[in-house]
Structure formats: C-alpha cells, structure tokens
Amino acid sequence: MKRTIYTLYIDIPEEDLDLRDDVPNNHVYGFKNELTRNQRTKLQFQTHAPRLQKSKVKYADEIGVDYHFFGYDDEYKAYHKMFLEKYPEITHYNIVNFYKIHLLYKLAEDYDEVLYLDFD
C-alpha cells in the first residue's frame, strides 16, 4: 500500500489578499494593530515557513511515508490563471483551496492513501 502526505504553502501576493475581514488600526487581543488579519497571517507564515515545513518532513519520515510539498510554482500559477479565466469573481485565497483538492486527486492516481496537512 502506497501512502503519502502533502501540504502546500502559497504566499498570496499582498495585492491579492482579501482585506475585507478587518481594517488597519483595529484592536485585536487588546493591542493596536497596523495590519489586517490577513496581512498579519501572511507575515507569520513567511516567518515560520521553514520550521513548519521541517515538522511535516520529520513526521512523514517517522511514519515512513512519502512527503510532497507544493508551493507558488509554475504549476500553481497555471492553475491560478486558468481558474481566474473561468471564474474571475473567485478570490486568490479560494483558488488555493480548490488547488488543494486538485492536488488530492492528482496524488490519488499514484497513492492508495493520501493525507493533506494544513501548513500551520
């Protein structure tokens, strides 16, 4: 039986972030913030990406399964472009979520069991 784990990290460009969920200069957890929630999340992912990916690799090694990491590469860019051409109203964030499912189906062609792990 072939098993794999996969994860992805798409660093959405600043101009494509969905900023409607909160506004700058808001108060979160009692602190004044100059960034929106999505901007703060983007910054935290950038800061912690190496450690987060390392933990996935370690887990896959410990249980003896293949590990696949997907990022903002040419394959993703082509998928993103195709999706926007068909559905221009869809946000970049939601395209990333559809891409996760696309990758699941693609990996399922070669693996009997596929586990997706959120990057965080």
PDB file of N, CA and C in Angstrom:
ATOM      1  N   MET A   1       0.842  -1.175   0.000  1.00  0.00           N
ATOM      2  CA  MET A   1       0.000   0.000   0.000  1.00  0.00           C
ATOM      3  C   MET A   1       0.893   1.245   0.000  1.00  0.00           C
ATOM      4  N   LYS A   2       0.654   2.135  -0.946  1.00  0.00           N
ATOM      5  CA  LYS A   2       1.424   3.372  -1.047  1.00  0.00           C
ATOM      6  C   LYS A   2       0.688   4.498  -0.341  1.00  0.00           C
ATOM      7  N   ARG A   3       1.421   5.184   0.524  1.00  0.00           N
ATOM      8  CA  ARG A   3       0.838   6.293   1.295  1.00  0.00           C
ATOM      9  C   ARG A   3       1.680   7.549   1.115  1.00  0.00           C
ATOM     10  N   THR A   4       1.026   8.688   1.207  1.00  0.00           N
ATOM     11  CA  THR A   4       1.737   9.958   1.129  1.00  0.00           C
ATOM     12  C   THR A   4       1.041  11.018   1.964  1.00  0.00           C
ATOM     13  N   ILE A   5       1.822  12.001   2.314  1.00  0.00           N
ATOM     14  CA  ILE A   5       1.333  13.214   2.973  1.00  0.00           C
ATOM     15  C   ILE A   5       1.680  14.372   2.050  1.00  0.00           C
ATOM     16  N   TYR A   6       0.785  15.332   1.968  1.00  0.00           N
ATOM     17  CA  TYR A   6       1.133  16.524   1.210  1.00  0.00           C
ATOM     18  C   TYR A   6       0.648  17.769   1.940  1.00  0.00           C
ATOM     19  N   THR A   7       1.323  18.836   1.619  1.00  0.00           N
ATOM     20  CA  THR A   7       0.963  20.145   2.151  1.00  0.00           C
ATOM     21  C   THR A   7       1.321  21.178   1.107  1.00  0.00           C
ATOM     22  N   LEU A   8       0.783  22.366   1.269  1.00  0.00           N
ATOM     23  CA  LEU A   8       1.173  23.430   0.369  1.00  0.00           C
ATOM     24  C   LEU A   8       1.228  24.752   1.104  1.00  0.00           C
ATOM     25  N   TYR A   9       2.058  25.616   0.570  1.00  0.00           N
ATOM     26  CA  TYR A   9       2.189  26.964   1.090  1.00  0.00           C
ATOM     27  C   TYR A   9       2.224  27.894  -0.104  1.00  0.00           C
ATOM     28  N   ILE A  10       1.150  28.629  -0.275  1.00  0.00           N
ATOM     29  CA  ILE A  10       1.058  29.613  -1.343  1.00  0.00           C
ATOM     30  C   ILE A  10       1.108  30.980  -0.682  1.00  0.00           C
ATOM     31  N   ASP A  11       2.193  31.694  -0.887  1.00  0.00           N
ATOM     32  CA  ASP A  11       2.342  33.034  -0.332  1.00  0.00           C
ATOM     33  C   ASP A  11       1.602  34.000  -1.253  1.00  0.00           C
ATOM     34  N   ILE A  12       0.347  34.246  -0.928  1.00  0.00           N
ATOM     35  CA  ILE A  12      -0.502  35.093  -1.766  1.00  0.00           C
ATOM     36  C   ILE A  12       0.090  36.502  -1.812  1.00  0.00           C
ATOM     37  N   PRO A  13       0.252  37.054  -3.022  1.00  0.00           N
ATOM     38  CA  PRO A  13       0.788  38.411  -3.128  1.00  0.00           C
ATOM     39  C   PRO A  13      -0.083  39.414  -2.358  1.00  0.00           C
ATOM     40  N   GLU A  14       0.566  40.403  -1.795  1.00  0.00           N
ATOM     41  CA  GLU A  14      -0.110  41.420  -0.980  1.00  0.00           C
ATOM     42  C   GLU A  14      -1.324  42.011  -1.697  1.00  0.00           C
ATOM     43  N   GLU A  15      -1.179  42.291  -2.989  1.00  0.00           N
ATOM     44  CA  GLU A  15      -2.275  42.927  -3.726  1.00  0.00           C
ATOM     45  C   GLU A  15      -3.472  41.999  -3.926  1.00  0.00           C
ATOM     46  N   ASP A  16      -3.289  40.699  -3.713  1.00  0.00           N
ATOM     47  CA  ASP A  16      -4.389  39.737  -3.871  1.00  0.00           C
ATOM     48  C   ASP A  16      -5.014  39.306  -2.549  1.00  0.00           C
ATOM     49  N   LEU A  17      -4.524  39.830  -1.436  1.00  0.00           N
ATOM     50  CA  LEU A  17      -5.108  39.464  -0.145  1.00  0.00           C
ATOM     51  C   LEU A  17      -6.526  39.997  -0.043  1.00  0.00           C
ATOM     52  N   ASP A  18      -7.378  39.209   0.544  1.00  0.00           N
ATOM     53  CA  ASP A  18      -8.752  39.623   0.804  1.00  0.00           C
ATOM     54  C   ASP A  18      -8.729  40.446   2.088  1.00  0.00           C
ATOM     55  N   LEU A  19      -8.873  41.754   1.968  1.00  0.00           N
ATOM     56  CA  LEU A  19      -8.721  42.638   3.117  1.00  0.00           C
ATOM     57  C   LEU A  19     -10.053  43.046   3.734  1.00  0.00           C
ATOM     58  N   ARG A  20     -11.127  42.456   3.316  1.00  0.00           N
ATOM     59  CA  ARG A  20     -12.438  42.905   3.799  1.00  0.00           C
ATOM     60  C   ARG A  20     -12.800  42.407   5.189  1.00  0.00           C
ATOM     61  N   ASP A  21     -12.012  41.487   5.761  1.00  0.00           N
ATOM     62  CA  ASP A  21     -12.417  40.907   7.040  1.00  0.00           C
ATOM     63  C   ASP A  21     -12.091  41.800   8.232  1.00  0.00           C
ATOM     64  N   ASP A  22     -11.144  42.692   8.121  1.00  0.00           N
ATOM     65  CA  ASP A  22     -10.938  43.714   9.140  1.00  0.00           C
ATOM     66  C   ASP A  22     -10.105  44.837   8.538  1.00  0.00           C
ATOM     67  N   VAL A  23      -9.984  45.924   9.231  1.00  0.00           N
ATOM     68  CA  VAL A  23      -9.318  47.103   8.682  1.00  0.00           C
ATOM     69  C   VAL A  23      -8.093  47.457   9.515  1.00  0.00           C
ATOM     70  N   PRO A  24      -7.128  48.180   8.911  1.00  0.00           N
ATOM     71  CA  PRO A  24      -5.960  48.594   9.693  1.00  0.00           C
ATOM     72  C   PRO A  24      -6.368  49.426  10.907  1.00  0.00           C
ATOM     73  N   ASN A  25      -5.479  49.477  11.866  1.00  0.00           N
ATOM     74  CA  ASN A  25      -5.657  50.239  13.097  1.00  0.00           C
ATOM     75  C   ASN A  25      -6.762  49.695  13.987  1.00  0.00           C
ATOM     76  N   ASN A  26      -7.084  48.430  13.842  1.00  0.00           N
ATOM     77  CA  ASN A  26      -8.086  47.821  14.713  1.00  0.00           C
ATOM     78  C   ASN A  26      -7.434  47.344  15.998  1.00  0.00           C
ATOM     79  N   HIS A  27      -8.226  46.939  16.935  1.00  0.00           N
ATOM     80  CA  HIS A  27      -7.711  46.428  18.202  1.00  0.00           C
ATOM     81  C   HIS A  27      -8.036  44.939  18.289  1.00  0.00           C
ATOM     82  N   VAL A  28      -7.004  44.128  18.331  1.00  0.00           N
ATOM     83  CA  VAL A  28      -7.151  42.683  18.434  1.00  0.00           C
ATOM     84  C   VAL A  28      -6.374  42.230  19.656  1.00  0.00           C
ATOM     85  N   TYR A  29      -7.020  41.471  20.498  1.00  0.00           N
ATOM     86  CA  TYR A  29      -6.388  40.965  21.715  1.00  0.00           C
ATOM     87  C   TYR A  29      -5.825  42.096  22.571  1.00  0.00           C
ATOM     88  N   GLY A  30      -6.478  43.260  22.537  1.00  0.00           N
ATOM     89  CA  GLY A  30      -6.054  44.375  23.372  1.00  0.00           C
ATOM     90  C   GLY A  30      -4.892  45.181  22.821  1.00  0.00           C
ATOM     91  N   PHE A  31      -4.395  44.821  21.630  1.00  0.00           N
ATOM     92  CA  PHE A  31      -3.273  45.541  21.053  1.00  0.00           C
ATOM     93  C   PHE A  31      -3.718  46.267  19.791  1.00  0.00           C
ATOM     94  N   LYS A  32      -3.200  47.458  19.596  1.00  0.00           N
ATOM     95  CA  LYS A  32      -3.479  48.183  18.364  1.00  0.00           C
ATOM     96  C   LYS A  32      -2.641  47.565  17.247  1.00  0.00           C
ATOM     97  N   ASN A  33      -3.255  47.246  16.127  1.00  0.00           N
ATOM     98  CA  ASN A  33      -2.558  46.615  15.012  1.00  0.00           C
ATOM     99  C   ASN A  33      -2.611  47.519  13.786  1.00  0.00           C
ATOM    100  N   GLU A  34      -1.488  47.622  13.119  1.00  0.00           N
ATOM    101  CA  GLU A  34      -1.398  48.414  11.897  1.00  0.00           C
ATOM    102  C   GLU A  34      -1.728  47.570  10.662  1.00  0.00           C
ATOM    103  N   LEU A  35      -1.812  46.260  10.830  1.00  0.00           N
ATOM    104  CA  LEU A  35      -2.070  45.352   9.714  1.00  0.00           C
ATOM    105  C   LEU A  35      -3.432  44.700   9.861  1.00  0.00           C
ATOM    106  N   THR A  36      -3.999  44.282   8.746  1.00  0.00           N
ATOM    107  CA  THR A  36      -5.228  43.500   8.808  1.00  0.00           C
ATOM    108  C   THR A  36      -4.881  42.085   9.259  1.00  0.00           C
ATOM    109  N   ARG A  37      -5.882  41.325   9.577  1.00  0.00           N
ATOM    110  CA  ARG A  37      -5.678  39.934   9.994  1.00  0.00           C
ATOM    111  C   ARG A  37      -4.948  39.144   8.907  1.00  0.00           C
ATOM    112  N   ASN A  38      -5.349  39.308   7.648  1.00  0.00           N
ATOM    113  CA  ASN A  38      -4.706  38.567   6.571  1.00  0.00           C
ATOM    114  C   ASN A  38      -3.257  39.003   6.366  1.00  0.00           C
ATOM    115  N   GLN A  39      -2.961  40.272   6.539  1.00  0.00           N
ATOM    116  CA  GLN A  39      -1.583  40.732   6.436  1.00  0.00           C
ATOM    117  C   GLN A  39      -0.726  40.159   7.570  1.00  0.00           C
ATOM    118  N   ARG A  40      -1.293  40.110   8.780  1.00  0.00           N
ATOM    119  CA  ARG A  40      -0.557  39.523   9.909  1.00  0.00           C
ATOM    120  C   ARG A  40      -0.313  38.040   9.680  1.00  0.00           C
ATOM    121  N   THR A  41      -1.330  37.333   9.182  1.00  0.00           N
ATOM    122  CA  THR A  41      -1.189  35.901   8.903  1.00  0.00           C
ATOM    123  C   THR A  41      -0.110  35.664   7.856  1.00  0.00           C
ATOM    124  N   LYS A  42      -0.123  36.452   6.788  1.00  0.00           N
ATOM    125  CA  LYS A  42       0.892  36.327   5.733  1.00  0.00           C
ATOM    126  C   LYS A  42       2.288  36.491   6.323  1.00  0.00           C
ATOM    127  N   LEU A  43       2.485  37.491   7.157  1.00  0.00           N
ATOM    128  CA  LEU A  43       3.777  37.741   7.778  1.00  0.00           C
ATOM    129  C   LEU A  43       4.210  36.585   8.679  1.00  0.00           C
ATOM    130  N   GLN A  44       3.282  36.033   9.443  1.00  0.00           N
ATOM    131  CA  GLN A  44       3.608  34.913  10.325  1.00  0.00           C
ATOM    132  C   GLN A  44       3.987  33.661   9.535  1.00  0.00           C
ATOM    133  N   PHE A  45       3.265  33.406   8.442  1.00  0.00           N
ATOM    134  CA  PHE A  45       3.628  32.260   7.603  1.00  0.00           C
ATOM    135  C   PHE A  45       5.029  32.445   7.017  1.00  0.00           C
ATOM    136  N   GLN A  46       5.331  33.644   6.525  1.00  0.00           N
ATOM    137  CA  GLN A  46       6.664  33.894   5.973  1.00  0.00           C
ATOM    138  C   GLN A  46       7.744  33.658   7.029  1.00  0.00           C
ATOM    139  N   THR A  47       7.485  34.112   8.232  1.00  0.00           N
ATOM    140  CA  THR A  47       8.450  33.991   9.316  1.00  0.00           C
ATOM    141  C   THR A  47       8.691  32.531   9.707  1.00  0.00           C
ATOM    142  N   HIS A  48       7.626  31.748   9.767  1.00  0.00           N
ATOM    143  CA  HIS A  48       7.719  30.398  10.320  1.00  0.00           C
ATOM    144  C   HIS A  48       7.707  29.280   9.277  1.00  0.00           C
ATOM    145  N   ALA A  49       7.690  29.611   7.990  1.00  0.00           N
ATOM    146  CA  ALA A  49       7.594  28.596   6.935  1.00  0.00           C
ATOM    147  C   ALA A  49       8.655  27.504   7.027  1.00  0.00           C
ATOM    148  N   PRO A  50       9.925  27.829   7.209  1.00  0.00           N
ATOM    149  CA  PRO A  50      10.927  26.749   7.265  1.00  0.00           C
ATOM    150  C   PRO A  50      10.662  25.754   8.404  1.00  0.00           C
ATOM    151  N   ARG A  51      10.329  26.257   9.559  1.00  0.00           N
ATOM    152  CA  ARG A  51      10.070  25.378  10.707  1.00  0.00           C
ATOM    153  C   ARG A  51       8.813  24.540  10.477  1.00  0.00           C
ATOM    154  N   LEU A  52       7.784  25.155   9.899  1.00  0.00           N
ATOM    155  CA  LEU A  52       6.546  24.424   9.642  1.00  0.00           C
ATOM    156  C   LEU A  52       6.774  23.287   8.647  1.00  0.00           C
ATOM    157  N   GLN A  53       7.517  23.572   7.587  1.00  0.00           N
ATOM    158  CA  GLN A  53       7.769  22.516   6.599  1.00  0.00           C
ATOM    159  C   GLN A  53       8.647  21.418   7.192  1.00  0.00           C
ATOM    160  N   LYS A  54       9.633  21.794   7.971  1.00  0.00           N
ATOM    161  CA  LYS A  54      10.519  20.808   8.592  1.00  0.00           C
ATOM    162  C   LYS A  54       9.727  19.822   9.462  1.00  0.00           C
ATOM    163  N   SER A  55       8.720  20.319  10.160  1.00  0.00           N
ATOM    164  CA  SER A  55       7.921  19.430  11.019  1.00  0.00           C
ATOM    165  C   SER A  55       7.133  18.419  10.196  1.00  0.00           C
ATOM    166  N   LYS A  56       6.679  18.794   9.015  1.00  0.00           N
ATOM    167  CA  LYS A  56       5.952  17.859   8.147  1.00  0.00           C
ATOM    168  C   LYS A  56       6.887  16.778   7.609  1.00  0.00           C
ATOM    169  N   VAL A  57       8.082  17.196   7.202  1.00  0.00           N
ATOM    170  CA  VAL A  57       9.074  16.249   6.694  1.00  0.00           C
ATOM    171  C   VAL A  57       9.437  15.243   7.787  1.00  0.00           C
ATOM    172  N   LYS A  58       9.658  15.745   8.985  1.00  0.00           N
ATOM    173  CA  LYS A  58      10.010  14.877  10.114  1.00  0.00           C
ATOM    174  C   LYS A  58       8.902  13.866  10.385  1.00  0.00           C
ATOM    175  N   TYR A  59       7.652  14.323  10.384  1.00  0.00           N
ATOM    176  CA  TYR A  59       6.526  13.420  10.639  1.00  0.00           C
ATOM    177  C   TYR A  59       6.438  12.342   9.565  1.00  0.00           C
ATOM    178  N   ALA A  60       6.553  12.724   8.304  1.00  0.00           N
ATOM    179  CA  ALA A  60       6.487  11.746   7.213  1.00  0.00           C
ATOM    180  C   ALA A  60       7.614  10.722   7.333  1.00  0.00           C
ATOM    181  N   ASP A  61       8.808  11.190   7.669  1.00  0.00           N
ATOM    182  CA  ASP A  61       9.940  10.280   7.858  1.00  0.00           C
ATOM    183  C   ASP A  61       9.679   9.310   9.006  1.00  0.00           C
ATOM    184  N   GLU A  62       9.151   9.824  10.108  1.00  0.00           N
ATOM    185  CA  GLU A  62       8.907   8.983  11.285  1.00  0.00           C
ATOM    186  C   GLU A  62       7.895   7.878  11.016  1.00  0.00           C
ATOM    187  N   ILE A  63       6.895   8.144  10.193  1.00  0.00           N
ATOM    188  CA  ILE A  63       5.887   7.113   9.928  1.00  0.00           C
ATOM    189  C   ILE A  63       6.150   6.368   8.618  1.00  0.00           C
ATOM    190  N   GLY A  64       7.229   6.754   7.920  1.00  0.00           N
ATOM    191  CA  GLY A  64       7.657   6.014   6.736  1.00  0.00           C
ATOM    192  C   GLY A  64       6.790   6.187   5.505  1.00  0.00           C
ATOM    193  N   VAL A  65       6.344   7.418   5.249  1.00  0.00           N
ATOM    194  CA  VAL A  65       5.550   7.680   4.047  1.00  0.00           C
ATOM    195  C   VAL A  65       6.218   8.768   3.218  1.00  0.00           C
ATOM    196  N   ASP A  66       5.817   8.844   1.964  1.00  0.00           N
ATOM    197  CA  ASP A  66       6.320   9.898   1.086  1.00  0.00           C
ATOM    198  C   ASP A  66       5.745  11.244   1.533  1.00  0.00           C
ATOM    199  N   TYR A  67       6.470  12.295   1.206  1.00  0.00           N
ATOM    200  CA  TYR A  67       6.017  13.645   1.528  1.00  0.00           C
ATOM    201  C   TYR A  67       6.146  14.515   0.291  1.00  0.00           C
ATOM    202  N   HIS A  68       5.097  15.286   0.030  1.00  0.00           N
ATOM    203  CA  HIS A  68       5.096  16.206  -1.107  1.00  0.00           C
ATOM    204  C   HIS A  68       4.773  17.605  -0.606  1.00  0.00           C
ATOM    205  N   PHE A  69       5.590  18.543  -1.032  1.00  0.00           N
ATOM    206  CA  PHE A  69       5.356  19.945  -0.709  1.00  0.00           C
ATOM    207  C   PHE A  69       5.078  20.686  -2.000  1.00  0.00           C
ATOM    208  N   PHE A  70       4.030  21.480  -1.993  1.00  0.00           N
ATOM    209  CA  PHE A  70       3.667  22.269  -3.163  1.00  0.00           C
ATOM    210  C   PHE A  70       3.699  23.739  -2.788  1.00  0.00           C
ATOM    211  N   GLY A  71       4.213  24.560  -3.700  1.00  0.00           N
ATOM    212  CA  GLY A  71       4.332  25.983  -3.433  1.00  0.00           C
ATOM    213  C   GLY A  71       3.881  26.812  -4.614  1.00  0.00           C
ATOM    214  N   TYR A  72       4.279  28.045  -4.598  1.00  0.00           N
ATOM    215  CA  TYR A  72       3.897  29.021  -5.627  1.00  0.00           C
ATOM    216  C   TYR A  72       4.814  28.815  -6.833  1.00  0.00           C
ATOM    217  N   ASP A  73       4.618  27.688  -7.515  1.00  0.00           N
ATOM    218  CA  ASP A  73       5.463  27.329  -8.644  1.00  0.00           C
ATOM    219  C   ASP A  73       4.702  27.514  -9.958  1.00  0.00           C
ATOM    220  N   ASP A  74       5.323  27.107 -11.061  1.00  0.00           N
ATOM    221  CA  ASP A  74       4.696  27.290 -12.373  1.00  0.00           C
ATOM    222  C   ASP A  74       3.380  26.525 -12.495  1.00  0.00           C
ATOM    223  N   GLU A  75       3.316  25.331 -11.920  1.00  0.00           N
ATOM    224  CA  GLU A  75       2.071  24.546 -11.978  1.00  0.00           C
ATOM    225  C   GLU A  75       0.938  25.289 -11.259  1.00  0.00           C
ATOM    226  N   TYR A  76       1.241  25.838 -10.090  1.00  0.00           N
ATOM    227  CA  TYR A  76       0.206  26.589  -9.371  1.00  0.00           C
ATOM    228  C   TYR A  76      -0.184  27.843 -10.157  1.00  0.00           C
ATOM    229  N   LYS A  77       0.794  28.547 -10.703  1.00  0.00           N
ATOM    230  CA  LYS A  77       0.499  29.776 -11.450  1.00  0.00           C
ATOM    231  C   LYS A  77      -0.408  29.481 -12.639  1.00  0.00           C
ATOM    232  N   ALA A  78      -0.168  28.371 -13.337  1.00  0.00           N
ATOM    233  CA  ALA A  78      -1.015  27.989 -14.468  1.00  0.00           C
ATOM    234  C   ALA A  78      -2.428  27.662 -13.991  1.00  0.00           C
ATOM    235  N   TYR A  79      -2.549  26.932 -12.870  1.00  0.00           N
ATOM    236  CA  TYR A  79      -3.852  26.602 -12.306  1.00  0.00           C
ATOM    237  C   TYR A  79      -4.593  27.881 -11.912  1.00  0.00           C
ATOM    238  N   HIS A  80      -3.897  28.787 -11.262  1.00  0.00           N
ATOM    239  CA  HIS A  80      -4.485  30.056 -10.830  1.00  0.00           C
ATOM    240  C   HIS A  80      -4.993  30.850 -12.027  1.00  0.00           C
ATOM    241  N   LYS A  81      -4.174  30.930 -13.061  1.00  0.00           N
ATOM    242  CA  LYS A  81      -4.559  31.664 -14.283  1.00  0.00           C
ATOM    243  C   LYS A  81      -5.797  31.039 -14.927  1.00  0.00           C
ATOM    244  N   MET A  82      -5.788  29.708 -15.068  1.00  0.00           N
ATOM    245  CA  MET A  82      -6.929  29.002 -15.658  1.00  0.00           C
ATOM    246  C   MET A  82      -8.199  29.254 -14.846  1.00  0.00           C
ATOM    247  N   PHE A  83      -8.078  29.203 -13.536  1.00  0.00           N
ATOM    248  CA  PHE A  83      -9.242  29.381 -12.661  1.00  0.00           C
ATOM    249  C   PHE A  83      -9.799  30.789 -12.794  1.00  0.00           C
ATOM    250  N   LEU A  84      -8.923  31.791 -12.816  1.00  0.00           N
ATOM    251  CA  LEU A  84      -9.385  33.175 -12.936  1.00  0.00           C
ATOM    252  C   LEU A  84     -10.041  33.454 -14.281  1.00  0.00           C
ATOM    253  N   GLU A  85      -9.557  32.792 -15.326  1.00  0.00           N
ATOM    254  CA  GLU A  85     -10.168  32.977 -16.638  1.00  0.00           C
ATOM    255  C   GLU A  85     -11.601  32.462 -16.646  1.00  0.00           C
ATOM    256  N   LYS A  86     -11.844  31.354 -15.961  1.00  0.00           N
ATOM    257  CA  LYS A  86     -13.185  30.767 -15.914  1.00  0.00           C
ATOM    258  C   LYS A  86     -14.081  31.435 -14.875  1.00  0.00           C
ATOM    259  N   TYR A  87     -13.484  31.815 -13.724  1.00  0.00           N
ATOM    260  CA  TYR A  87     -14.258  32.341 -12.595  1.00  0.00           C
ATOM    261  C   TYR A  87     -13.568  33.583 -12.022  1.00  0.00           C
ATOM    262  N   PRO A  88     -13.650  34.712 -12.716  1.00  0.00           N
ATOM    263  CA  PRO A  88     -12.918  35.906 -12.275  1.00  0.00           C
ATOM    264  C   PRO A  88     -13.372  36.463 -10.923  1.00  0.00           C
ATOM    265  N   GLU A  89     -14.518  36.051 -10.449  1.00  0.00           N
ATOM    266  CA  GLU A  89     -15.036  36.556  -9.172  1.00  0.00           C
ATOM    267  C   GLU A  89     -14.449  35.829  -7.957  1.00  0.00           C
ATOM    268  N   ILE A  90     -13.731  34.728  -8.180  1.00  0.00           N
ATOM    269  CA  ILE A  90     -13.182  33.928  -7.082  1.00  0.00           C
ATOM    270  C   ILE A  90     -11.892  34.573  -6.553  1.00  0.00           C
ATOM    271  N   THR A  91     -11.756  34.630  -5.244  1.00  0.00           N
ATOM    272  CA  THR A  91     -10.565  35.225  -4.636  1.00  0.00           C
ATOM    273  C   THR A  91      -9.370  34.286  -4.739  1.00  0.00           C
ATOM    274  N   HIS A  92      -8.195  34.865  -4.622  1.00  0.00           N
ATOM    275  CA  HIS A  92      -6.958  34.082  -4.667  1.00  0.00           C
ATOM    276  C   HIS A  92      -6.958  33.028  -3.551  1.00  0.00           C
ATOM    277  N   TYR A  93      -7.404  33.435  -2.375  1.00  0.00           N
ATOM    278  CA  TYR A  93      -7.473  32.503  -1.233  1.00  0.00           C
ATOM    279  C   TYR A  93      -8.337  31.288  -1.565  1.00  0.00           C
ATOM    280  N   ASN A  94      -9.474  31.503  -2.192  1.00  0.00           N
ATOM    281  CA  ASN A  94     -10.352  30.383  -2.529  1.00  0.00           C
ATOM    282  C   ASN A  94      -9.772  29.519  -3.642  1.00  0.00           C
ATOM    283  N   ILE A  95      -9.026  30.122  -4.551  1.00  0.00           N
ATOM    284  CA  ILE A  95      -8.356  29.330  -5.584  1.00  0.00           C
ATOM    285  C   ILE A  95      -7.348  28.391  -4.937  1.00  0.00           C
ATOM    286  N   VAL A  96      -6.643  28.856  -3.921  1.00  0.00           N
ATOM    287  CA  VAL A  96      -5.704  27.998  -3.192  1.00  0.00           C
ATOM    288  C   VAL A  96      -6.444  26.789  -2.623  1.00  0.00           C
ATOM    289  N   ASN A  97      -7.624  26.999  -2.082  1.00  0.00           N
ATOM    290  CA  ASN A  97      -8.396  25.892  -1.509  1.00  0.00           C
ATOM    291  C   ASN A  97      -8.859  24.899  -2.580  1.00  0.00           C
ATOM    292  N   PHE A  98      -9.225  25.381  -3.742  1.00  0.00           N
ATOM    293  CA  PHE A  98      -9.564  24.465  -4.836  1.00  0.00           C
ATOM    294  C   PHE A  98      -8.320  23.712  -5.312  1.00  0.00           C
ATOM    295  N   TYR A  99      -7.181  24.372  -5.273  1.00  0.00           N
ATOM    296  CA  TYR A  99      -5.924  23.732  -5.680  1.00  0.00           C
ATOM    297  C   TYR A  99      -5.583  22.564  -4.760  1.00  0.00           C
ATOM    298  N   LYS A 100      -5.866  22.685  -3.482  1.00  0.00           N
ATOM    299  CA  LYS A 100      -5.646  21.578  -2.537  1.00  0.00           C
ATOM    300  C   LYS A 100      -6.391  20.334  -3.001  1.00  0.00           C
ATOM    301  N   ILE A 101      -7.623  20.517  -3.414  1.00  0.00           N
ATOM    302  CA  ILE A 101      -8.441  19.388  -3.869  1.00  0.00           C
ATOM    303  C   ILE A 101      -7.896  18.839  -5.188  1.00  0.00           C
ATOM    304  N   HIS A 102      -7.510  19.725  -6.082  1.00  0.00           N
ATOM    305  CA  HIS A 102      -6.896  19.320  -7.342  1.00  0.00           C
ATOM    306  C   HIS A 102      -5.676  18.421  -7.083  1.00  0.00           C
ATOM    307  N   LEU A 103      -4.840  18.835  -6.131  1.00  0.00           N
ATOM    308  CA  LEU A 103      -3.644  18.050  -5.807  1.00  0.00           C
ATOM    309  C   LEU A 103      -4.005  16.698  -5.202  1.00  0.00           C
ATOM    310  N   LEU A 104      -5.042  16.663  -4.396  1.00  0.00           N
ATOM    311  CA  LEU A 104      -5.503  15.401  -3.811  1.00  0.00           C
ATOM    312  C   LEU A 104      -5.847  14.402  -4.911  1.00  0.00           C
ATOM    313  N   TYR A 105      -6.627  14.830  -5.877  1.00  0.00           N
ATOM    314  CA  TYR A 105      -6.995  13.932  -6.978  1.00  0.00           C
ATOM    315  C   TYR A 105      -5.763  13.505  -7.778  1.00  0.00           C
ATOM    316  N   LYS A 106      -4.847  14.425  -7.986  1.00  0.00           N
ATOM    317  CA  LYS A 106      -3.631  14.110  -8.736  1.00  0.00           C
ATOM    318  C   LYS A 106      -2.782  13.066  -7.990  1.00  0.00           C
ATOM    319  N   LEU A 107      -2.587  13.243  -6.700  1.00  0.00           N
ATOM    320  CA  LEU A 107      -1.805  12.284  -5.918  1.00  0.00           C
ATOM    321  C   LEU A 107      -2.508  10.939  -5.786  1.00  0.00           C
ATOM    322  N   ALA A 108      -3.826  10.961  -5.747  1.00  0.00           N
ATOM    323  CA  ALA A 108      -4.595   9.717  -5.610  1.00  0.00           C
ATOM    324  C   ALA A 108      -4.437   8.805  -6.822  1.00  0.00           C
ATOM    325  N   GLU A 109      -3.939   9.339  -7.911  1.00  0.00           N
ATOM    326  CA  GLU A 109      -3.663   8.496  -9.081  1.00  0.00           C
ATOM    327  C   GLU A 109      -2.491   7.544  -8.811  1.00  0.00           C
ATOM    328  N   ASP A 110      -1.575   7.946  -7.931  1.00  0.00           N
ATOM    329  CA  ASP A 110      -0.376   7.153  -7.656  1.00  0.00           C
ATOM    330  C   ASP A 110      -0.330   6.551  -6.254  1.00  0.00           C
ATOM    331  N   TYR A 111      -1.199   7.015  -5.361  1.00  0.00           N
ATOM    332  CA  TYR A 111      -1.162   6.566  -3.965  1.00  0.00           C
ATOM    333  C   TYR A 111      -2.512   6.001  -3.544  1.00  0.00           C
ATOM    334  N   ASP A 112      -2.455   4.998  -2.676  1.00  0.00           N
ATOM    335  CA  ASP A 112      -3.673   4.399  -2.143  1.00  0.00           C
ATOM    336  C   ASP A 112      -4.288   5.260  -1.041  1.00  0.00           C
ATOM    337  N   GLU A 113      -3.431   5.872  -0.245  1.00  0.00           N
ATOM    338  CA  GLU A 113      -3.893   6.730   0.841  1.00  0.00           C
ATOM    339  C   GLU A 113      -3.140   8.056   0.774  1.00  0.00           C
ATOM    340  N   VAL A 114      -3.897   9.152   0.866  1.00  0.00           N
ATOM    341  CA  VAL A 114      -3.333  10.487   0.764  1.00  0.00           C
ATOM    342  C   VAL A 114      -3.840  11.311   1.941  1.00  0.00           C
ATOM    343  N   LEU A 115      -2.900  11.941   2.639  1.00  0.00           N
ATOM    344  CA  LEU A 115      -3.251  12.787   3.777  1.00  0.00           C
ATOM    345  C   LEU A 115      -2.807  14.207   3.480  1.00  0.00           C
ATOM    346  N   TYR A 116      -3.746  15.154   3.574  1.00  0.00           N
ATOM    347  CA  TYR A 116      -3.406  16.563   3.457  1.00  0.00           C
ATOM    348  C   TYR A 116      -3.228  17.138   4.851  1.00  0.00           C
ATOM    349  N   LEU A 117      -2.141  17.861   5.071  1.00  0.00           N
ATOM    350  CA  LEU A 117      -1.924  18.567   6.329  1.00  0.00           C
ATOM    351  C   LEU A 117      -1.870  20.060   6.052  1.00  0.00           C
ATOM    352  N   ASP A 118      -2.656  20.842   6.776  1.00  0.00           N
ATOM    353  CA  ASP A 118      -2.541  22.289   6.676  1.00  0.00           C
ATOM    354  C   ASP A 118      -1.106  22.679   6.988  1.00  0.00           C
ATOM    355  N   PHE A 119      -0.641  23.719   6.383  1.00  0.00           N
ATOM    356  CA  PHE A 119       0.748  24.120   6.556  1.00  0.00           C
ATOM    357  C   PHE A 119       1.041  24.567   7.973  1.00  0.00           C
ATOM    358  N   ASP A 120       0.034  25.132   8.631  1.00  0.00           N
ATOM    359  CA  ASP A 120       0.271  25.563  10.016  1.00  0.00           C
ATOM    360  C   ASP A 120      -0.083  24.456  10.973  1.00  0.00           C
TER     361      ASP A 120
END
